[in-house]
C-alpha cells in the first residue's frame, strides 16, 4: 500500500506533503524525530490528511497534484 500524506507544522503552521510506503503515522514519527533537514527545523508536526493507494504511480501523481496550485486550494478547503 502507498500513501500520500499532509502534515502541518505546529511551529510554522505550514503544510508538508509527502509520499510513503509506510503507514502515515509511522512517517509522522520519523518526521518528528528530525529525519530530514526541513522537518528537523519545522517540527513538531501533526498528520492532517492522508490517502491510500494500491498503485505507486497513482500515489506519486496525487502527491504532485497536491503540491500544485489546484491541489493547495483543495487542501485549503478541507484542512482548515
Protein backbone atom coordinates (compact mmCIF):
# COMPACT_ATOMS: atom_id res chain seq x y z
CA UNK A 1 0.00 0.00 0.00
CA UNK A 2 1.15 3.56 -0.75
CA UNK A 3 0.08 6.76 0.95
CA UNK A 4 0.04 10.44 0.21
CA UNK A 5 0.02 12.42 3.43
CA UNK A 6 -0.10 16.01 4.58
CA UNK A 7 1.48 17.25 7.79
CA UNK A 8 1.10 20.61 9.47
CA UNK A 9 3.96 22.17 11.38
CA UNK A 10 2.83 23.34 14.81
CA UNK A 11 5.80 25.71 14.81
CA UNK A 12 5.27 27.47 11.46
CA UNK A 13 1.68 26.39 10.58
CA UNK A 14 2.94 25.40 7.11
CA UNK A 15 1.99 22.15 5.38
CA UNK A 16 4.31 19.39 4.23
CA UNK A 17 3.03 16.96 1.58
CA UNK A 18 4.74 13.63 1.09
CA UNK A 19 4.52 10.09 -0.22
CA UNK A 20 5.36 6.85 1.58
CA UNK A 21 5.01 3.08 1.51
CA UNK A 22 4.77 3.08 5.30
CA UNK A 23 1.81 3.92 7.46
CA UNK A 24 1.46 7.74 7.59
CA UNK A 25 1.53 7.64 11.40
CA UNK A 26 4.92 5.91 11.26
CA UNK A 27 6.15 8.50 8.77
CA UNK A 28 4.90 11.27 11.09
CA UNK A 29 7.01 9.78 13.86
CA UNK A 30 10.04 9.83 11.52
CA UNK A 31 9.48 13.49 10.65
CA UNK A 32 9.08 14.46 14.29
CA UNK A 33 12.34 12.71 15.14
CA UNK A 34 14.14 15.08 12.74
CA UNK A 35 14.97 12.61 9.96
CA UNK A 36 15.36 15.34 7.33
CA UNK A 37 16.64 18.91 7.30
CA UNK A 38 13.26 20.51 6.51
CA UNK A 39 11.31 18.59 9.10
CA UNK A 40 14.04 18.95 11.72
CA UNK A 41 13.76 22.73 11.56
CA UNK A 42 9.96 22.88 11.47
CA UNK A 43 8.83 20.21 13.93
CA UNK A 44 6.64 19.22 15.66
CA UNK A 45 4.16 18.07 13.02
CA UNK A 46 0.66 16.66 13.13
CA UNK A 47 -0.92 14.48 10.46
CA UNK A 48 -3.85 16.38 8.93
CA UNK A 49 -4.68 14.30 5.84
CA UNK A 50 -3.81 11.04 4.09
CA UNK A 51 -4.99 8.98 1.14
CA UNK A 52 -4.21 5.29 0.48
CA UNK A 53 -3.34 3.97 -2.98
CA UNK A 54 -2.76 0.45 -4.27
CA UNK A 55 -0.50 1.69 -7.08
CA UNK A 56 2.69 3.69 -6.57
CA UNK A 57 2.25 5.69 -9.79
CA UNK A 58 -1.20 6.94 -8.75
CA UNK A 59 0.08 7.95 -5.33
CA UNK A 60 3.00 9.88 -6.83
CA UNK A 61 0.69 11.66 -9.27
CA UNK A 62 -1.64 12.61 -6.41
CA UNK A 63 1.29 13.92 -4.37
CA UNK A 64 2.37 16.05 -7.32
CA UNK A 65 -1.19 17.36 -7.72
CA UNK A 66 -1.48 18.27 -4.03
CA UNK A 67 1.72 20.31 -4.37
CA UNK A 68 0.25 22.25 -7.33
CA UNK A 69 -1.87 25.39 -7.13
CA UNK A 70 -5.14 23.49 -7.55
CA UNK A 71 -4.01 20.87 -5.03
CA UNK A 72 -3.16 23.53 -2.46
CA UNK A 73 -6.61 25.06 -2.97
CA UNK A 74 -8.16 21.62 -2.41
CA UNK A 75 -6.18 21.18 0.82
CA UNK A 76 -7.15 24.69 1.94
CA UNK A 77 -10.80 23.75 1.54
CA UNK A 78 -10.61 20.55 3.59
CA UNK A 79 -7.84 21.30 6.13
CA UNK A 80 -8.85 24.48 7.90
